[in-house]
Amino acid sequence: MVKVKFFAALRERLQCAEISIAARSGETVAEVRARLIEKHPSWRRELLENDVLCAKNFAFVNLQEPVNRGDELAFFPPVTGG
């Protein structure tokens, strides 16, 4: 299984803080995201926005990053400070 967490405004818009999804051998972050959208079609717009960032095991990654069983993914909007 892969644990997927959603943070900040994205969590509020999806009305979900965390979900688990079965890991598939050789799957990428983009493919996990596509399966989440397939399972929850109402999440499509929010997860496909260009500004949504992703981290795997607490490190920023791109969508082509491979995912392994036991990994934790986090999707979140960009944050700004000041």
N, C-alpha and C. Protein backbone atom coordinates (compact mmCIF):
# COMPACT_ATOMS: atom_id res chain seq x y z
N MET A 1 0.84 -1.19 0.00
CA MET A 1 0.00 0.00 0.00
C MET A 1 0.88 1.25 0.00
N VAL A 2 0.34 2.29 -0.57
CA VAL A 2 0.95 3.63 -0.56
C VAL A 2 0.00 4.54 0.19
N LYS A 3 0.53 5.28 1.15
CA LYS A 3 -0.28 6.25 1.88
C LYS A 3 -0.21 7.57 1.13
N VAL A 4 -1.36 8.17 0.87
CA VAL A 4 -1.43 9.46 0.18
C VAL A 4 -2.08 10.47 1.12
N LYS A 5 -1.38 11.58 1.33
CA LYS A 5 -1.91 12.63 2.20
C LYS A 5 -2.14 13.90 1.38
N PHE A 6 -3.15 14.64 1.78
CA PHE A 6 -3.47 15.92 1.15
C PHE A 6 -3.39 17.01 2.21
N PHE A 7 -2.79 18.14 1.84
CA PHE A 7 -2.56 19.20 2.81
C PHE A 7 -3.16 20.53 2.39
N ALA A 8 -3.36 21.38 3.40
CA ALA A 8 -3.79 22.77 3.24
C ALA A 8 -5.12 22.86 2.51
N ALA A 9 -5.26 23.83 1.63
CA ALA A 9 -6.52 24.06 0.92
C ALA A 9 -6.92 22.86 0.08
N LEU A 10 -5.96 22.11 -0.42
CA LEU A 10 -6.28 20.92 -1.21
C LEU A 10 -7.04 19.91 -0.36
N ARG A 11 -6.61 19.70 0.85
CA ARG A 11 -7.30 18.80 1.78
C ARG A 11 -8.74 19.25 1.99
N GLU A 12 -8.93 20.53 2.14
CA GLU A 12 -10.27 21.07 2.37
C GLU A 12 -11.16 20.89 1.13
N ARG A 13 -10.60 21.16 -0.05
CA ARG A 13 -11.40 21.04 -1.28
C ARG A 13 -11.74 19.59 -1.60
N LEU A 14 -10.85 18.66 -1.29
CA LEU A 14 -11.11 17.25 -1.54
C LEU A 14 -11.92 16.61 -0.42
N GLN A 15 -11.97 17.27 0.71
CA GLN A 15 -12.62 16.75 1.92
C GLN A 15 -12.04 15.40 2.31
N CYS A 16 -10.71 15.34 2.22
CA CYS A 16 -9.99 14.11 2.55
C CYS A 16 -8.59 14.49 3.00
N ALA A 17 -8.16 13.95 4.13
CA ALA A 17 -6.81 14.22 4.62
C ALA A 17 -5.84 13.12 4.22
N GLU A 18 -6.33 11.89 4.12
CA GLU A 18 -5.44 10.76 3.87
C GLU A 18 -6.22 9.60 3.26
N ILE A 19 -5.55 8.88 2.36
CA ILE A 19 -6.14 7.70 1.74
C ILE A 19 -5.01 6.72 1.43
N SER A 20 -5.29 5.45 1.45
CA SER A 20 -4.31 4.44 1.05
C SER A 20 -4.75 3.82 -0.26
N ILE A 21 -3.77 3.46 -1.08
CA ILE A 21 -4.04 2.87 -2.38
C ILE A 21 -3.01 1.76 -2.61
N ALA A 22 -3.43 0.69 -3.23
CA ALA A 22 -2.52 -0.43 -3.48
C ALA A 22 -1.38 0.02 -4.38
N ALA A 23 -0.18 -0.43 -4.04
CA ALA A 23 1.00 -0.10 -4.84
C ALA A 23 1.09 -1.08 -6.00
N ARG A 24 1.48 -0.58 -7.16
CA ARG A 24 1.71 -1.41 -8.34
C ARG A 24 3.17 -1.30 -8.73
N SER A 25 3.77 -2.39 -9.07
CA SER A 25 5.19 -2.42 -9.43
C SER A 25 5.48 -1.51 -10.61
N GLY A 26 6.49 -0.64 -10.45
CA GLY A 26 6.91 0.24 -11.53
C GLY A 26 6.04 1.46 -11.75
N GLU A 27 5.06 1.68 -10.91
CA GLU A 27 4.14 2.81 -11.06
C GLU A 27 4.81 4.13 -10.68
N THR A 28 4.39 5.20 -11.34
CA THR A 28 4.91 6.54 -11.05
C THR A 28 3.90 7.33 -10.23
N VAL A 29 4.35 8.47 -9.73
CA VAL A 29 3.44 9.38 -9.01
C VAL A 29 2.27 9.77 -9.91
N ALA A 30 2.54 10.05 -11.18
CA ALA A 30 1.47 10.42 -12.12
C ALA A 30 0.44 9.31 -12.25
N GLU A 31 0.90 8.07 -12.26
CA GLU A 31 -0.03 6.94 -12.38
C GLU A 31 -0.86 6.74 -11.11
N VAL A 32 -0.25 6.97 -9.96
CA VAL A 32 -1.00 6.91 -8.71
C VAL A 32 -2.06 8.01 -8.72
N ARG A 33 -1.67 9.21 -9.13
CA ARG A 33 -2.63 10.33 -9.21
C ARG A 33 -3.77 9.98 -10.15
N ALA A 34 -3.48 9.37 -11.30
CA ALA A 34 -4.52 8.98 -12.26
C ALA A 34 -5.48 7.96 -11.64
N ARG A 35 -4.94 7.02 -10.88
CA ARG A 35 -5.82 6.04 -10.23
C ARG A 35 -6.69 6.67 -9.14
N LEU A 36 -6.14 7.66 -8.45
CA LEU A 36 -6.95 8.38 -7.45
C LEU A 36 -8.11 9.10 -8.14
N ILE A 37 -7.83 9.70 -9.28
CA ILE A 37 -8.88 10.40 -10.03
C ILE A 37 -9.91 9.41 -10.56
N GLU A 38 -9.45 8.25 -10.99
CA GLU A 38 -10.37 7.22 -11.47
C GLU A 38 -11.31 6.77 -10.35
N LYS A 39 -10.76 6.62 -9.17
CA LYS A 39 -11.55 6.19 -8.01
C LYS A 39 -12.45 7.31 -7.49
N HIS A 40 -11.99 8.56 -7.61
CA HIS A 40 -12.73 9.73 -7.10
C HIS A 40 -12.79 10.79 -8.22
N PRO A 41 -13.68 10.62 -9.19
CA PRO A 41 -13.73 11.56 -10.34
C PRO A 41 -13.90 13.02 -9.95
N SER A 42 -14.52 13.29 -8.82
CA SER A 42 -14.71 14.68 -8.41
C SER A 42 -13.39 15.35 -8.02
N TRP A 43 -12.32 14.59 -7.85
CA TRP A 43 -11.01 15.14 -7.49
C TRP A 43 -10.22 15.57 -8.71
N ARG A 44 -10.71 15.25 -9.91
CA ARG A 44 -9.97 15.49 -11.15
C ARG A 44 -9.41 16.91 -11.26
N ARG A 45 -10.27 17.89 -11.15
CA ARG A 45 -9.85 19.28 -11.32
C ARG A 45 -8.77 19.68 -10.32
N GLU A 46 -8.98 19.33 -9.07
CA GLU A 46 -8.03 19.73 -8.03
C GLU A 46 -6.66 19.07 -8.20
N LEU A 47 -6.65 17.78 -8.54
CA LEU A 47 -5.37 17.07 -8.64
C LEU A 47 -4.63 17.33 -9.94
N LEU A 48 -5.32 17.82 -10.96
CA LEU A 48 -4.67 18.08 -12.23
C LEU A 48 -4.20 19.52 -12.40
N GLU A 49 -4.51 20.37 -11.43
CA GLU A 49 -4.05 21.74 -11.52
C GLU A 49 -2.53 21.76 -11.55
N ASN A 50 -1.96 22.61 -12.38
CA ASN A 50 -0.51 22.66 -12.58
C ASN A 50 0.27 23.03 -11.32
N ASP A 51 -0.37 23.74 -10.40
CA ASP A 51 0.38 24.22 -9.24
C ASP A 51 0.41 23.24 -8.07
N VAL A 52 -0.22 22.06 -8.20
CA VAL A 52 -0.20 21.09 -7.12
C VAL A 52 1.19 20.45 -7.06
N LEU A 53 1.77 20.47 -5.89
CA LEU A 53 3.11 19.90 -5.68
C LEU A 53 2.99 18.51 -5.06
N CYS A 54 4.05 17.73 -5.19
CA CYS A 54 4.05 16.39 -4.62
C CYS A 54 5.38 16.13 -3.92
N ALA A 55 5.28 15.40 -2.82
CA ALA A 55 6.46 14.92 -2.11
C ALA A 55 6.31 13.42 -1.91
N LYS A 56 7.44 12.73 -1.94
CA LYS A 56 7.46 11.30 -1.63
C LYS A 56 8.41 11.12 -0.46
N ASN A 57 7.89 10.56 0.60
CA ASN A 57 8.69 10.34 1.80
C ASN A 57 9.41 11.62 2.24
N PHE A 58 8.67 12.73 2.23
CA PHE A 58 9.10 14.04 2.73
C PHE A 58 10.09 14.77 1.83
N ALA A 59 10.25 14.35 0.58
CA ALA A 59 11.13 15.04 -0.36
C ALA A 59 10.35 15.37 -1.61
N PHE A 60 10.48 16.61 -2.11
CA PHE A 60 9.80 17.00 -3.34
C PHE A 60 10.20 16.08 -4.48
N VAL A 61 9.23 15.69 -5.30
CA VAL A 61 9.49 14.84 -6.46
C VAL A 61 8.67 15.32 -7.65
N ASN A 62 9.07 14.86 -8.85
CA ASN A 62 8.25 15.16 -10.03
C ASN A 62 7.31 13.99 -10.28
N LEU A 63 6.43 14.14 -11.23
CA LEU A 63 5.39 13.15 -11.47
C LEU A 63 5.92 11.84 -12.05
N GLN A 64 7.14 11.84 -12.54
CA GLN A 64 7.70 10.61 -13.11
C GLN A 64 8.48 9.78 -12.07
N GLU A 65 8.48 10.24 -10.84
CA GLU A 65 9.16 9.52 -9.76
C GLU A 65 8.48 8.16 -9.52
N PRO A 66 9.25 7.08 -9.46
CA PRO A 66 8.65 5.78 -9.16
C PRO A 66 8.16 5.70 -7.71
N VAL A 67 7.11 4.93 -7.52
CA VAL A 67 6.50 4.76 -6.21
C VAL A 67 6.63 3.30 -5.81
N ASN A 68 6.95 3.06 -4.56
CA ASN A 68 7.11 1.70 -4.05
C ASN A 68 6.16 1.44 -2.89
N ARG A 69 5.87 0.18 -2.67
CA ARG A 69 5.04 -0.21 -1.53
C ARG A 69 5.64 0.39 -0.26
N GLY A 70 4.79 0.96 0.58
CA GLY A 70 5.23 1.55 1.84
C GLY A 70 5.59 3.03 1.75
N ASP A 71 5.64 3.59 0.52
CA ASP A 71 5.94 5.02 0.38
C ASP A 71 4.78 5.86 0.88
N GLU A 72 5.09 7.10 1.20
CA GLU A 72 4.07 8.08 1.56
C GLU A 72 4.15 9.23 0.56
N LEU A 73 3.05 9.50 -0.10
CA LEU A 73 2.97 10.63 -1.02
C LEU A 73 2.17 11.74 -0.36
N ALA A 74 2.53 12.95 -0.68
CA ALA A 74 1.78 14.11 -0.19
C ALA A 74 1.54 15.05 -1.36
N PHE A 75 0.30 15.46 -1.53
CA PHE A 75 -0.06 16.45 -2.54
C PHE A 75 -0.50 17.71 -1.82
N PHE A 76 -0.05 18.86 -2.32
CA PHE A 76 -0.38 20.11 -1.64
C PHE A 76 -0.21 21.27 -2.60
N PRO A 77 -0.94 22.36 -2.33
CA PRO A 77 -0.77 23.56 -3.15
C PRO A 77 0.54 24.24 -2.78
N PRO A 78 1.07 25.05 -3.69
CA PRO A 78 2.30 25.78 -3.34
C PRO A 78 2.03 26.71 -2.16
N VAL A 79 3.03 26.87 -1.35
CA VAL A 79 2.90 27.76 -0.18
C VAL A 79 3.83 28.94 -0.36
N THR A 80 3.41 30.05 0.17
CA THR A 80 4.25 31.24 0.10
C THR A 80 4.43 31.76 1.52
N GLY A 81 5.50 32.43 1.70
CA GLY A 81 5.78 33.01 3.00
C GLY A 81 6.07 34.48 2.86
N GLY A 82 6.20 35.12 3.94
CA GLY A 82 6.47 36.54 3.80
C GLY A 82 6.95 37.17 5.07
